[in-house]
Structures are given as structure tokens and as C-alpha cells.
Amino acid sequence: MAMYAKVRRMRLREGLSISEIARRTSLSRNTIEDWLRGPVRDEMQYRRAAAPKKIAPYEAVLREALAIDTRRPHRERPCAGGGGPRDRPDPVDRTGTTSTPPASRSTGGARRPAAGSR
């Protein structure tokens, strides 16, 4: 609303051209012309009415989760430095052994030289 009033004041009181108003306000000339041609408005009208947000059903749950998370120490938050994949224990299957395949585990032995190298 303030910009609308400023544009009308620049044109009607100060007598500036539409191009000069556009330069000073960074508005397009078409917008300025529409504002000047139309009736004087008390408030700006918007085309769309406020519609319910898609996240609205989950808002209470998310606010509660964020409130709980802010009370946790920084290191224990999932997005903080701690809690990454290296800090988690290996996943365990039903037999009690790790589910990491044997090929990916470190053998601790000496490495074999690559083929063709000495």
C-alpha cells in the first residue's frame, strides 16, 4: 500500500513522468499506469484468497517434534555433527550377526599388489 501511495504522490503532486517513476521505484511502467488509471484504493486487493496449506494436518506434530529437538543437546540432534553413519552401530540381523557382507569388512591383512604393478 505504501508503494501505491508513493507512486500516486510522485505523479500527481510532483508531476514526474511514468518513466521517471519507474526508474525511481523499480516498478514496471505497466504497473504504474494501471495504478494511476484505476480508482483510488484504500487497500490493495489480491487475486487469490488464502487457501489451506498442504502441511496443515501435520503442523502440530512437526511443531512438537521441533520443540523436543531444541531441548536435546546439539550433538544428539540428527542434523548435528554427531549421529552420523559412522557413530551408529552396525545393523544386526535376527541371528545376532552383523548384516554387513564379508567382502566389505576390513580383513586387517596385507594388501595384494594390483595386477601389472611391482
PDB file of N, CA and C in Angstrom:
ATOM      1  N   MET A   1       0.828  -1.188   0.000  1.00  0.00           N
ATOM      2  CA  MET A   1       0.000   0.000   0.000  1.00  0.00           C
ATOM      3  C   MET A   1       0.872   1.251   0.000  1.00  0.00           C
ATOM      4  N   ALA A   2       2.003   1.183   0.661  1.00  0.00           N
ATOM      5  CA  ALA A   2       2.877   2.350   0.738  1.00  0.00           C
ATOM      6  C   ALA A   2       3.424   2.703  -0.640  1.00  0.00           C
ATOM      7  N   MET A   3       3.786   1.708  -1.430  1.00  0.00           N
ATOM      8  CA  MET A   3       4.336   1.960  -2.763  1.00  0.00           C
ATOM      9  C   MET A   3       3.260   2.551  -3.671  1.00  0.00           C
ATOM     10  N   TYR A   4       2.036   2.060  -3.546  1.00  0.00           N
ATOM     11  CA  TYR A   4       0.919   2.582  -4.331  1.00  0.00           C
ATOM     12  C   TYR A   4       0.732   4.080  -4.061  1.00  0.00           C
ATOM     13  N   ALA A   5       0.734   4.449  -2.796  1.00  0.00           N
ATOM     14  CA  ALA A   5       0.562   5.851  -2.429  1.00  0.00           C
ATOM     15  C   ALA A   5       1.748   6.687  -2.901  1.00  0.00           C
ATOM     16  N   LYS A   6       2.935   6.115  -2.809  1.00  0.00           N
ATOM     17  CA  LYS A   6       4.135   6.838  -3.245  1.00  0.00           C
ATOM     18  C   LYS A   6       4.092   7.118  -4.748  1.00  0.00           C
ATOM     19  N   VAL A   7       3.642   6.129  -5.542  1.00  0.00           N
ATOM     20  CA  VAL A   7       3.554   6.307  -6.992  1.00  0.00           C
ATOM     21  C   VAL A   7       2.543   7.398  -7.329  1.00  0.00           C
ATOM     22  N   ARG A   8       1.386   7.368  -6.695  1.00  0.00           N
ATOM     23  CA  ARG A   8       0.363   8.391  -6.969  1.00  0.00           C
ATOM     24  C   ARG A   8       0.853   9.784  -6.566  1.00  0.00           C
ATOM     25  N   ARG A   9       1.554   9.878  -5.443  1.00  0.00           N
ATOM     26  CA  ARG A   9       2.082  11.160  -4.994  1.00  0.00           C
ATOM     27  C   ARG A   9       3.139  11.695  -5.969  1.00  0.00           C
ATOM     28  N   MET A  10       4.015  10.813  -6.453  1.00  0.00           N
ATOM     29  CA  MET A  10       5.047  11.245  -7.391  1.00  0.00           C
ATOM     30  C   MET A  10       4.433  11.791  -8.673  1.00  0.00           C
ATOM     31  N   ARG A  11       3.367  11.170  -9.125  1.00  0.00           N
ATOM     32  CA  ARG A  11       2.751  11.587 -10.387  1.00  0.00           C
ATOM     33  C   ARG A  11       1.887  12.837 -10.202  1.00  0.00           C
ATOM     34  N   LEU A  12       1.025  12.822  -9.179  1.00  0.00           N
ATOM     35  CA  LEU A  12       0.039  13.897  -9.036  1.00  0.00           C
ATOM     36  C   LEU A  12       0.606  15.149  -8.368  1.00  0.00           C
ATOM     37  N   ARG A  13       1.441  14.991  -7.346  1.00  0.00           N
ATOM     38  CA  ARG A  13       1.966  16.162  -6.635  1.00  0.00           C
ATOM     39  C   ARG A  13       3.266  16.666  -7.258  1.00  0.00           C
ATOM     40  N   GLU A  14       4.176  15.717  -7.526  1.00  0.00           N
ATOM     41  CA  GLU A  14       5.489  16.126  -8.017  1.00  0.00           C
ATOM     42  C   GLU A  14       5.513  16.264  -9.537  1.00  0.00           C
ATOM     43  N   GLY A  15       4.515  15.704 -10.215  1.00  0.00           N
ATOM     44  CA  GLY A  15       4.412  15.838 -11.663  1.00  0.00           C
ATOM     45  C   GLY A  15       5.468  15.063 -12.443  1.00  0.00           C
ATOM     46  N   LEU A  16       5.980  13.972 -11.886  1.00  0.00           N
ATOM     47  CA  LEU A  16       7.001  13.180 -12.578  1.00  0.00           C
ATOM     48  C   LEU A  16       6.378  12.349 -13.693  1.00  0.00           C
ATOM     49  N   SER A  17       7.172  12.033 -14.693  1.00  0.00           N
ATOM     50  CA  SER A  17       6.684  11.174 -15.781  1.00  0.00           C
ATOM     51  C   SER A  17       6.639   9.725 -15.307  1.00  0.00           C
ATOM     52  N   ILE A  18       5.898   8.911 -16.044  1.00  0.00           N
ATOM     53  CA  ILE A  18       5.786   7.495 -15.701  1.00  0.00           C
ATOM     54  C   ILE A  18       7.148   6.815 -15.811  1.00  0.00           C
ATOM     55  N   SER A  19       7.930   7.182 -16.802  1.00  0.00           N
ATOM     56  CA  SER A  19       9.268   6.599 -16.960  1.00  0.00           C
ATOM     57  C   SER A  19      10.170   6.946 -15.776  1.00  0.00           C
ATOM     58  N   GLU A  20      10.085   8.180 -15.312  1.00  0.00           N
ATOM     59  CA  GLU A  20      10.908   8.594 -14.170  1.00  0.00           C
ATOM     60  C   GLU A  20      10.476   7.868 -12.900  1.00  0.00           C
ATOM     61  N   ILE A  21       9.168   7.715 -12.722  1.00  0.00           N
ATOM     62  CA  ILE A  21       8.658   6.974 -11.561  1.00  0.00           C
ATOM     63  C   ILE A  21       9.135   5.530 -11.629  1.00  0.00           C
ATOM     64  N   ALA A  22       9.099   4.936 -12.826  1.00  0.00           N
ATOM     65  CA  ALA A  22       9.561   3.555 -12.998  1.00  0.00           C
ATOM     66  C   ALA A  22      11.037   3.435 -12.636  1.00  0.00           C
ATOM     67  N   ARG A  23      11.848   4.409 -13.034  1.00  0.00           N
ATOM     68  CA  ARG A  23      13.280   4.379 -12.692  1.00  0.00           C
ATOM     69  C   ARG A  23      13.497   4.468 -11.189  1.00  0.00           C
ATOM     70  N   ARG A  24      12.762   5.347 -10.540  1.00  0.00           N
ATOM     71  CA  ARG A  24      12.968   5.570  -9.104  1.00  0.00           C
ATOM     72  C   ARG A  24      12.428   4.436  -8.236  1.00  0.00           C
ATOM     73  N   THR A  25      11.359   3.785  -8.667  1.00  0.00           N
ATOM     74  CA  THR A  25      10.720   2.760  -7.831  1.00  0.00           C
ATOM     75  C   THR A  25      11.045   1.334  -8.253  1.00  0.00           C
ATOM     76  N   SER A  26      11.655   1.159  -9.411  1.00  0.00           N
ATOM     77  CA  SER A  26      11.951  -0.173  -9.969  1.00  0.00           C
ATOM     78  C   SER A  26      10.686  -0.970 -10.260  1.00  0.00           C
ATOM     79  N   LEU A  27       9.575  -0.287 -10.498  1.00  0.00           N
ATOM     80  CA  LEU A  27       8.337  -0.929 -10.920  1.00  0.00           C
ATOM     81  C   LEU A  27       8.237  -0.819 -12.435  1.00  0.00           C
ATOM     82  N   SER A  28       7.460  -1.707 -13.045  1.00  0.00           N
ATOM     83  CA  SER A  28       7.287  -1.612 -14.489  1.00  0.00           C
ATOM     84  C   SER A  28       6.348  -0.450 -14.821  1.00  0.00           C
ATOM     85  N   ARG A  29       6.519   0.075 -16.010  1.00  0.00           N
ATOM     86  CA  ARG A  29       5.657   1.181 -16.443  1.00  0.00           C
ATOM     87  C   ARG A  29       4.200   0.743 -16.519  1.00  0.00           C
ATOM     88  N   ASN A  30       3.978  -0.507 -16.916  1.00  0.00           N
ATOM     89  CA  ASN A  30       2.592  -1.013 -16.993  1.00  0.00           C
ATOM     90  C   ASN A  30       1.926  -1.005 -15.623  1.00  0.00           C
ATOM     91  N   THR A  31       2.641  -1.416 -14.602  1.00  0.00           N
ATOM     92  CA  THR A  31       2.078  -1.417 -13.250  1.00  0.00           C
ATOM     93  C   THR A  31       1.743   0.003 -12.815  1.00  0.00           C
ATOM     94  N   ILE A  32       2.649   0.919 -13.067  1.00  0.00           N
ATOM     95  CA  ILE A  32       2.424   2.315 -12.690  1.00  0.00           C
ATOM     96  C   ILE A  32       1.209   2.879 -13.415  1.00  0.00           C
ATOM     97  N   GLU A  33       1.097   2.583 -14.711  1.00  0.00           N
ATOM     98  CA  GLU A  33      -0.060   3.073 -15.478  1.00  0.00           C
ATOM     99  C   GLU A  33      -1.363   2.484 -14.945  1.00  0.00           C
ATOM    100  N   ASP A  34      -1.365   1.207 -14.605  1.00  0.00           N
ATOM    101  CA  ASP A  34      -2.569   0.583 -14.037  1.00  0.00           C
ATOM    102  C   ASP A  34      -2.962   1.254 -12.731  1.00  0.00           C
ATOM    103  N   TRP A  35      -1.986   1.526 -11.887  1.00  0.00           N
ATOM    104  CA  TRP A  35      -2.272   2.152 -10.601  1.00  0.00           C
ATOM    105  C   TRP A  35      -2.800   3.572 -10.788  1.00  0.00           C
ATOM    106  N   LEU A  36      -2.281   4.278 -11.761  1.00  0.00           N
ATOM    107  CA  LEU A  36      -2.714   5.663 -11.962  1.00  0.00           C
ATOM    108  C   LEU A  36      -4.065   5.752 -12.671  1.00  0.00           C
ATOM    109  N   ARG A  37      -4.366   4.819 -13.582  1.00  0.00           N
ATOM    110  CA  ARG A  37      -5.636   4.829 -14.313  1.00  0.00           C
ATOM    111  C   ARG A  37      -6.805   4.394 -13.447  1.00  0.00           C
ATOM    112  N   GLY A  38      -6.566   3.472 -12.550  1.00  0.00           N
ATOM    113  CA  GLY A  38      -7.642   2.897 -11.737  1.00  0.00           C
ATOM    114  C   GLY A  38      -8.135   3.859 -10.671  1.00  0.00           C
ATOM    115  N   PRO A  39      -9.232   3.484  -9.995  1.00  0.00           N
ATOM    116  CA  PRO A  39      -9.765   4.328  -8.925  1.00  0.00           C
ATOM    117  C   PRO A  39      -8.815   4.320  -7.717  1.00  0.00           C
ATOM    118  N   VAL A  40      -8.936   5.319  -6.886  1.00  0.00           N
ATOM    119  CA  VAL A  40      -8.106   5.399  -5.680  1.00  0.00           C
ATOM    120  C   VAL A  40      -8.514   4.273  -4.738  1.00  0.00           C
ATOM    121  N   ARG A  41      -7.536   3.547  -4.271  1.00  0.00           N
ATOM    122  CA  ARG A  41      -7.807   2.382  -3.417  1.00  0.00           C
ATOM    123  C   ARG A  41      -7.395   2.682  -1.982  1.00  0.00           C
ATOM    124  N   ASP A  42      -8.183   2.161  -1.063  1.00  0.00           N
ATOM    125  CA  ASP A  42      -7.797   2.258   0.344  1.00  0.00           C
ATOM    126  C   ASP A  42      -6.814   1.134   0.686  1.00  0.00           C
ATOM    127  N   GLU A  43      -7.058  -0.024   0.119  1.00  0.00           N
ATOM    128  CA  GLU A  43      -6.179  -1.165   0.349  1.00  0.00           C
ATOM    129  C   GLU A  43      -5.975  -1.889  -0.971  1.00  0.00           C
ATOM    130  N   MET A  44      -4.855  -2.540  -1.094  1.00  0.00           N
ATOM    131  CA  MET A  44      -4.593  -3.332  -2.291  1.00  0.00           C
ATOM    132  C   MET A  44      -5.429  -4.603  -2.234  1.00  0.00           C
ATOM    133  N   GLN A  45      -5.915  -5.024  -3.381  1.00  0.00           N
ATOM    134  CA  GLN A  45      -6.702  -6.250  -3.448  1.00  0.00           C
ATOM    135  C   GLN A  45      -5.853  -7.337  -4.094  1.00  0.00           C
ATOM    136  N   TYR A  46      -5.939  -8.517  -3.557  1.00  0.00           N
ATOM    137  CA  TYR A  46      -5.184  -9.639  -4.089  1.00  0.00           C
ATOM    138  C   TYR A  46      -6.127 -10.579  -4.806  1.00  0.00           C
ATOM    139  N   ARG A  47      -5.630 -11.251  -5.792  1.00  0.00           N
ATOM    140  CA  ARG A  47      -6.472 -12.114  -6.616  1.00  0.00           C
ATOM    141  C   ARG A  47      -6.880 -13.391  -5.919  1.00  0.00           C
ATOM    142  N   ARG A  48      -5.959 -13.980  -5.165  1.00  0.00           N
ATOM    143  CA  ARG A  48      -6.241 -15.271  -4.552  1.00  0.00           C
ATOM    144  C   ARG A  48      -6.611 -15.128  -3.090  1.00  0.00           C
ATOM    145  N   ALA A  49      -7.579 -15.908  -2.682  1.00  0.00           N
ATOM    146  CA  ALA A  49      -7.914 -15.985  -1.269  1.00  0.00           C
ATOM    147  C   ALA A  49      -6.959 -16.978  -0.614  1.00  0.00           C
ATOM    148  N   ALA A  50      -6.756 -16.830   0.664  1.00  0.00           N
ATOM    149  CA  ALA A  50      -5.856 -17.739   1.379  1.00  0.00           C
ATOM    150  C   ALA A  50      -6.459 -19.143   1.388  1.00  0.00           C
ATOM    151  N   ALA A  51      -5.722 -20.106   0.888  1.00  0.00           N
ATOM    152  CA  ALA A  51      -6.172 -21.488   0.851  1.00  0.00           C
ATOM    153  C   ALA A  51      -5.450 -22.274   1.941  1.00  0.00           C
ATOM    154  N   PRO A  52      -6.046 -23.359   2.401  1.00  0.00           N
ATOM    155  CA  PRO A  52      -5.358 -24.161   3.417  1.00  0.00           C
ATOM    156  C   PRO A  52      -4.069 -24.757   2.834  1.00  0.00           C
ATOM    157  N   LYS A  53      -3.051 -24.814   3.642  1.00  0.00           N
ATOM    158  CA  LYS A  53      -1.762 -25.330   3.216  1.00  0.00           C
ATOM    159  C   LYS A  53      -1.764 -26.860   3.256  1.00  0.00           C
ATOM    160  N   LYS A  54      -0.937 -27.471   2.426  1.00  0.00           N
ATOM    161  CA  LYS A  54      -0.853 -28.926   2.398  1.00  0.00           C
ATOM    162  C   LYS A  54      -0.265 -29.486   3.688  1.00  0.00           C
ATOM    163  N   ILE A  55       0.538 -28.686   4.356  1.00  0.00           N
ATOM    164  CA  ILE A  55       1.222 -29.150   5.558  1.00  0.00           C
ATOM    165  C   ILE A  55       0.365 -28.986   6.809  1.00  0.00           C
ATOM    166  N   ALA A  56      -0.787 -28.329   6.690  1.00  0.00           N
ATOM    167  CA  ALA A  56      -1.632 -28.016   7.843  1.00  0.00           C
ATOM    168  C   ALA A  56      -1.967 -29.233   8.722  1.00  0.00           C
ATOM    169  N   PRO A  57      -2.307 -30.406   8.158  1.00  0.00           N
ATOM    170  CA  PRO A  57      -2.629 -31.536   9.040  1.00  0.00           C
ATOM    171  C   PRO A  57      -1.445 -32.000   9.893  1.00  0.00           C
ATOM    172  N   TYR A  58      -0.241 -31.706   9.475  1.00  0.00           N
ATOM    173  CA  TYR A  58       0.953 -32.187  10.179  1.00  0.00           C
ATOM    174  C   TYR A  58       1.602 -31.107  11.037  1.00  0.00           C
ATOM    175  N   GLU A  59       1.031 -29.918  11.042  1.00  0.00           N
ATOM    176  CA  GLU A  59       1.665 -28.787  11.706  1.00  0.00           C
ATOM    177  C   GLU A  59       1.884 -29.024  13.197  1.00  0.00           C
ATOM    178  N   ALA A  60       0.886 -29.539  13.895  1.00  0.00           N
ATOM    179  CA  ALA A  60       1.018 -29.754  15.343  1.00  0.00           C
ATOM    180  C   ALA A  60       2.115 -30.772  15.645  1.00  0.00           C
ATOM    181  N   VAL A  61       2.150 -31.846  14.874  1.00  0.00           N
ATOM    182  CA  VAL A  61       3.167 -32.890  15.090  1.00  0.00           C
ATOM    183  C   VAL A  61       4.563 -32.339  14.828  1.00  0.00           C
ATOM    184  N   LEU A  62       4.710 -31.563  13.757  1.00  0.00           N
ATOM    185  CA  LEU A  62       6.020 -31.002  13.431  1.00  0.00           C
ATOM    186  C   LEU A  62       6.476 -29.987  14.478  1.00  0.00           C
ATOM    187  N   ARG A  63       5.561 -29.162  14.955  1.00  0.00           N
ATOM    188  CA  ARG A  63       5.936 -28.191  15.990  1.00  0.00           C
ATOM    189  C   ARG A  63       6.374 -28.893  17.264  1.00  0.00           C
ATOM    190  N   GLU A  64       5.670 -29.967  17.624  1.00  0.00           N
ATOM    191  CA  GLU A  64       6.041 -30.729  18.818  1.00  0.00           C
ATOM    192  C   GLU A  64       7.420 -31.372  18.641  1.00  0.00           C
ATOM    193  N   ALA A  65       7.672 -31.954  17.469  1.00  0.00           N
ATOM    194  CA  ALA A  65       8.969 -32.579  17.209  1.00  0.00           C
ATOM    195  C   ALA A  65      10.092 -31.548  17.250  1.00  0.00           C
ATOM    196  N   LEU A  66       9.864 -30.368  16.697  1.00  0.00           N
ATOM    197  CA  LEU A  66      10.881 -29.323  16.731  1.00  0.00           C
ATOM    198  C   LEU A  66      11.115 -28.817  18.149  1.00  0.00           C
ATOM    199  N   ALA A  67      10.052 -28.719  18.931  1.00  0.00           N
ATOM    200  CA  ALA A  67      10.208 -28.277  20.313  1.00  0.00           C
ATOM    201  C   ALA A  67      11.030 -29.281  21.111  1.00  0.00           C
ATOM    202  N   ILE A  68      10.789 -30.559  20.888  1.00  0.00           N
ATOM    203  CA  ILE A  68      11.561 -31.604  21.567  1.00  0.00           C
ATOM    204  C   ILE A  68      13.011 -31.556  21.108  1.00  0.00           C
ATOM    205  N   ASP A  69      13.222 -31.384  19.819  1.00  0.00           N
ATOM    206  CA  ASP A  69      14.574 -31.387  19.266  1.00  0.00           C
ATOM    207  C   ASP A  69      15.398 -30.211  19.780  1.00  0.00           C
ATOM    208  N   THR A  70      14.768 -29.074  20.023  1.00  0.00           N
ATOM    209  CA  THR A  70      15.533 -27.927  20.507  1.00  0.00           C
ATOM    210  C   THR A  70      15.992 -28.120  21.940  1.00  0.00           C
ATOM    211  N   ARG A  71      15.342 -28.998  22.681  1.00  0.00           N
ATOM    212  CA  ARG A  71      15.754 -29.273  24.062  1.00  0.00           C
ATOM    213  C   ARG A  71      16.865 -30.303  24.141  1.00  0.00           C
ATOM    214  N   ARG A  72      17.116 -31.012  23.042  1.00  0.00           N
ATOM    215  CA  ARG A  72      18.166 -32.035  23.046  1.00  0.00           C
ATOM    216  C   ARG A  72      19.529 -31.371  22.908  1.00  0.00           C
ATOM    217  N   PRO A  73      20.578 -31.996  23.462  1.00  0.00           N
ATOM    218  CA  PRO A  73      21.919 -31.450  23.246  1.00  0.00           C
ATOM    219  C   PRO A  73      22.252 -31.432  21.761  1.00  0.00           C
ATOM    220  N   HIS A  74      23.071 -30.488  21.371  1.00  0.00           N
ATOM    221  CA  HIS A  74      23.376 -30.278  19.950  1.00  0.00           C
ATOM    222  C   HIS A  74      23.966 -31.530  19.308  1.00  0.00           C
ATOM    223  N   ARG A  75      24.806 -32.238  20.021  1.00  0.00           N
ATOM    224  CA  ARG A  75      25.456 -33.424  19.442  1.00  0.00           C
ATOM    225  C   ARG A  75      24.489 -34.570  19.186  1.00  0.00           C
ATOM    226  N   GLU A  76      23.388 -34.603  19.914  1.00  0.00           N
ATOM    227  CA  GLU A  76      22.438 -35.701  19.763  1.00  0.00           C
ATOM    228  C   GLU A  76      21.391 -35.438  18.695  1.00  0.00           C
ATOM    229  N   ARG A  77      21.367 -34.238  18.143  1.00  0.00           N
ATOM    230  CA  ARG A  77      20.397 -33.948  17.089  1.00  0.00           C
ATOM    231  C   ARG A  77      20.816 -34.647  15.807  1.00  0.00           C
ATOM    232  N   PRO A  78      19.870 -35.137  15.033  1.00  0.00           N
ATOM    233  CA  PRO A  78      20.209 -35.879  13.815  1.00  0.00           C
ATOM    234  C   PRO A  78      20.983 -35.069  12.789  1.00  0.00           C
ATOM    235  N   CYS A  79      20.792 -33.768  12.746  1.00  0.00           N
ATOM    236  CA  CYS A  79      21.448 -32.969  11.727  1.00  0.00           C
ATOM    237  C   CYS A  79      22.763 -32.389  12.215  1.00  0.00           C
ATOM    238  N   ALA A  80      23.092 -32.583  13.465  1.00  0.00           N
ATOM    239  CA  ALA A  80      24.319 -32.022  14.013  1.00  0.00           C
ATOM    240  C   ALA A  80      25.505 -32.918  13.679  1.00  0.00           C
ATOM    241  N   GLY A  81      26.679 -32.576  14.189  1.00  0.00           N
ATOM    242  CA  GLY A  81      27.899 -33.326  13.895  1.00  0.00           C
ATOM    243  C   GLY A  81      27.824 -34.778  14.326  1.00  0.00           C
ATOM    244  N   GLY A  82      27.166 -35.082  15.425  1.00  0.00           N
ATOM    245  CA  GLY A  82      27.054 -36.462  15.886  1.00  0.00           C
ATOM    246  C   GLY A  82      25.872 -37.158  15.253  1.00  0.00           C
ATOM    247  N   GLY A  83      25.786 -38.443  15.447  1.00  0.00           N
ATOM    248  CA  GLY A  83      24.650 -39.199  14.954  1.00  0.00           C
ATOM    249  C   GLY A  83      24.753 -39.595  13.504  1.00  0.00           C
ATOM    250  N   GLY A  84      25.913 -39.412  12.906  1.00  0.00           N
ATOM    251  CA  GLY A  84      26.099 -39.784  11.511  1.00  0.00           C
ATOM    252  C   GLY A  84      26.270 -41.277  11.363  1.00  0.00           C
ATOM    253  N   PRO A  85      26.461 -41.779  10.140  1.00  0.00           N
ATOM    254  CA  PRO A  85      26.564 -43.211   9.914  1.00  0.00           C
ATOM    255  C   PRO A  85      27.752 -43.852  10.622  1.00  0.00           C
ATOM    256  N   ARG A  86      28.841 -43.103  10.834  1.00  0.00           N
ATOM    257  CA  ARG A  86      29.999 -43.699  11.495  1.00  0.00           C
ATOM    258  C   ARG A  86      29.764 -43.883  12.979  1.00  0.00           C
ATOM    259  N   ASP A  87      28.863 -43.099  13.574  1.00  0.00           N
ATOM    260  CA  ASP A  87      28.621 -43.184  15.004  1.00  0.00           C
ATOM    261  C   ASP A  87      27.569 -44.228  15.363  1.00  0.00           C
ATOM    262  N   ARG A  88      26.886 -44.762  14.379  1.00  0.00           N
ATOM    263  CA  ARG A  88      25.852 -45.754  14.642  1.00  0.00           C
ATOM    264  C   ARG A  88      26.451 -47.153  14.656  1.00  0.00           C
ATOM    265  N   PRO A  89      25.902 -48.044  15.481  1.00  0.00           N
ATOM    266  CA  PRO A  89      26.395 -49.427  15.457  1.00  0.00           C
ATOM    267  C   PRO A  89      25.966 -50.113  14.164  1.00  0.00           C
ATOM    268  N   ASP A  90      26.694 -51.159  13.791  1.00  0.00           N
ATOM    269  CA  ASP A  90      26.321 -51.915  12.597  1.00  0.00           C
ATOM    270  C   ASP A  90      24.949 -52.535  12.795  1.00  0.00           C
ATOM    271  N   PRO A  91      24.134 -52.595  11.744  1.00  0.00           N
ATOM    272  CA  PRO A  91      22.823 -53.241  11.867  1.00  0.00           C
ATOM    273  C   PRO A  91      22.998 -54.732  12.125  1.00  0.00           C
ATOM    274  N   VAL A  92      22.130 -55.282  12.932  1.00  0.00           N
ATOM    275  CA  VAL A  92      22.228 -56.694  13.313  1.00  0.00           C
ATOM    276  C   VAL A  92      20.986 -57.417  12.803  1.00  0.00           C
ATOM    277  N   ASP A  93      21.184 -58.619  12.200  1.00  0.00           N
ATOM    278  CA  ASP A  93      20.029 -59.384  11.747  1.00  0.00           C
ATOM    279  C   ASP A  93      19.515 -60.255  12.887  1.00  0.00           C
ATOM    280  N   ARG A  94      18.554 -61.129  12.628  1.00  0.00           N
ATOM    281  CA  ARG A  94      17.893 -61.916  13.678  1.00  0.00           C
ATOM    282  C   ARG A  94      18.810 -62.950  14.327  1.00  0.00           C
ATOM    283  N   THR A  95      19.845 -63.374  13.662  1.00  0.00           N
ATOM    284  CA  THR A  95      20.733 -64.382  14.236  1.00  0.00           C
ATOM    285  C   THR A  95      21.767 -63.759  15.161  1.00  0.00           C
ATOM    286  N   GLY A  96      21.858 -62.454  15.192  1.00  0.00           N
ATOM    287  CA  GLY A  96      22.796 -61.797  16.089  1.00  0.00           C
ATOM    288  C   GLY A  96      24.108 -61.444  15.430  1.00  0.00           C
ATOM    289  N   THR A  97      24.269 -61.757  14.169  1.00  0.00           N
ATOM    290  CA  THR A  97      25.496 -61.402  13.481  1.00  0.00           C
ATOM    291  C   THR A  97      25.282 -60.106  12.732  1.00  0.00           C
ATOM    292  N   THR A  98      26.359 -59.474  12.360  1.00  0.00           N
ATOM    293  CA  THR A  98      26.207 -58.229  11.618  1.00  0.00           C
ATOM    294  C   THR A  98      25.730 -58.533  10.212  1.00  0.00           C
ATOM    295  N   SER A  99      24.971 -57.592   9.667  1.00  0.00           N
ATOM    296  CA  SER A  99      24.435 -57.806   8.323  1.00  0.00           C
ATOM    297  C   SER A  99      25.346 -57.226   7.254  1.00  0.00           C
ATOM    298  N   THR A 100      26.535 -56.758   7.642  1.00  0.00           N
ATOM    299  CA  THR A 100      27.467 -56.229   6.662  1.00  0.00           C
ATOM    300  C   THR A 100      28.088 -57.399   5.911  1.00  0.00           C
ATOM    301  N   PRO A 101      28.091 -57.379   4.594  1.00  0.00           N
ATOM    302  CA  PRO A 101      28.644 -58.505   3.850  1.00  0.00           C
ATOM    303  C   PRO A 101      30.140 -58.672   4.126  1.00  0.00           C
ATOM    304  N   PRO A 102      30.652 -59.900   4.107  1.00  0.00           N
ATOM    305  CA  PRO A 102      32.055 -60.147   4.433  1.00  0.00           C
ATOM    306  C   PRO A 102      33.019 -59.398   3.513  1.00  0.00           C
ATOM    307  N   ALA A 103      32.663 -59.169   2.261  1.00  0.00           N
ATOM    308  CA  ALA A 103      33.584 -58.522   1.335  1.00  0.00           C
ATOM    309  C   ALA A 103      33.865 -57.086   1.731  1.00  0.00           C
ATOM    310  N   SER A 104      32.943 -56.454   2.418  1.00  0.00           N
ATOM    311  CA  SER A 104      33.142 -55.048   2.761  1.00  0.00           C
ATOM    312  C   SER A 104      33.848 -54.870   4.100  1.00  0.00           C
ATOM    313  N   ARG A 105      33.979 -55.955   4.889  1.00  0.00           N
ATOM    314  CA  ARG A 105      34.666 -55.835   6.175  1.00  0.00           C
ATOM    315  C   ARG A 105      36.165 -55.772   5.961  1.00  0.00           C
ATOM    316  N   SER A 106      36.844 -55.085   6.832  1.00  0.00           N
ATOM    317  CA  SER A 106      38.296 -54.995   6.750  1.00  0.00           C
ATOM    318  C   SER A 106      38.893 -56.308   7.228  1.00  0.00           C
ATOM    319  N   THR A 107      39.814 -56.862   6.465  1.00  0.00           N
ATOM    320  CA  THR A 107      40.442 -58.129   6.839  1.00  0.00           C
ATOM    321  C   THR A 107      41.625 -57.915   7.753  1.00  0.00           C
ATOM    322  N   GLY A 108      42.179 -56.728   7.729  1.00  0.00           N
ATOM    323  CA  GLY A 108      43.310 -56.450   8.587  1.00  0.00           C
ATOM    324  C   GLY A 108      44.603 -57.021   8.054  1.00  0.00           C
ATOM    325  N   GLY A 109      44.548 -57.753   6.957  1.00  0.00           N
ATOM    326  CA  GLY A 109      45.751 -58.360   6.395  1.00  0.00           C
ATOM    327  C   GLY A 109      46.429 -57.427   5.413  1.00  0.00           C
ATOM    328  N   ALA A 110      47.523 -57.921   4.839  1.00  0.00           N
ATOM    329  CA  ALA A 110      48.265 -57.124   3.860  1.00  0.00           C
ATOM    330  C   ALA A 110      47.500 -57.060   2.556  1.00  0.00           C
ATOM    331  N   ARG A 111      47.689 -55.992   1.839  1.00  0.00           N
ATOM    332  CA  ARG A 111      47.019 -55.837   0.547  1.00  0.00           C
ATOM    333  C   ARG A 111      47.792 -56.580  -0.521  1.00  0.00           C
ATOM    334  N   ARG A 112      47.033 -57.064  -1.499  1.00  0.00           N
ATOM    335  CA  ARG A 112      47.681 -57.672  -2.671  1.00  0.00           C
ATOM    336  C   ARG A 112      48.027 -56.567  -3.638  1.00  0.00           C
ATOM    337  N   PRO A 113      49.171 -56.645  -4.284  1.00  0.00           N
ATOM    338  CA  PRO A 113      49.510 -55.625  -5.281  1.00  0.00           C
ATOM    339  C   PRO A 113      48.576 -55.738  -6.471  1.00  0.00           C
ATOM    340  N   ALA A 114      48.320 -54.607  -7.095  1.00  0.00           N
ATOM    341  CA  ALA A 114      47.453 -54.588  -8.268  1.00  0.00           C
ATOM    342  C   ALA A 114      48.122 -55.332  -9.409  1.00  0.00           C
ATOM    343  N   ALA A 115      47.318 -55.876 -10.292  1.00  0.00           N
ATOM    344  CA  ALA A 115      47.854 -56.636 -11.426  1.00  0.00           C
ATOM    345  C   ALA A 115      48.693 -55.736 -12.313  1.00  0.00           C
ATOM    346  N   GLY A 116      49.881 -56.202 -12.688  1.00  0.00           N
ATOM    347  CA  GLY A 116      50.744 -55.450 -13.584  1.00  0.00           C
ATOM    348  C   GLY A 116      51.647 -54.453 -12.873  1.00  0.00           C
ATOM    349  N   SER A 117      51.576 -54.339 -11.568  1.00  0.00           N
ATOM    350  CA  SER A 117      52.464 -53.393 -10.871  1.00  0.00           C
ATOM    351  C   SER A 117      53.451 -54.164 -10.028  1.00  0.00           C
ATOM    352  N   ARG A 118      54.580 -53.605  -9.750  1.00  0.00           N
ATOM    353  CA  ARG A 118      55.599 -54.294  -8.957  1.00  0.00           C
ATOM    354  C   ARG A 118      55.836 -53.622  -7.665  1.00  0.00           C
TER     355      ARG A 118
END
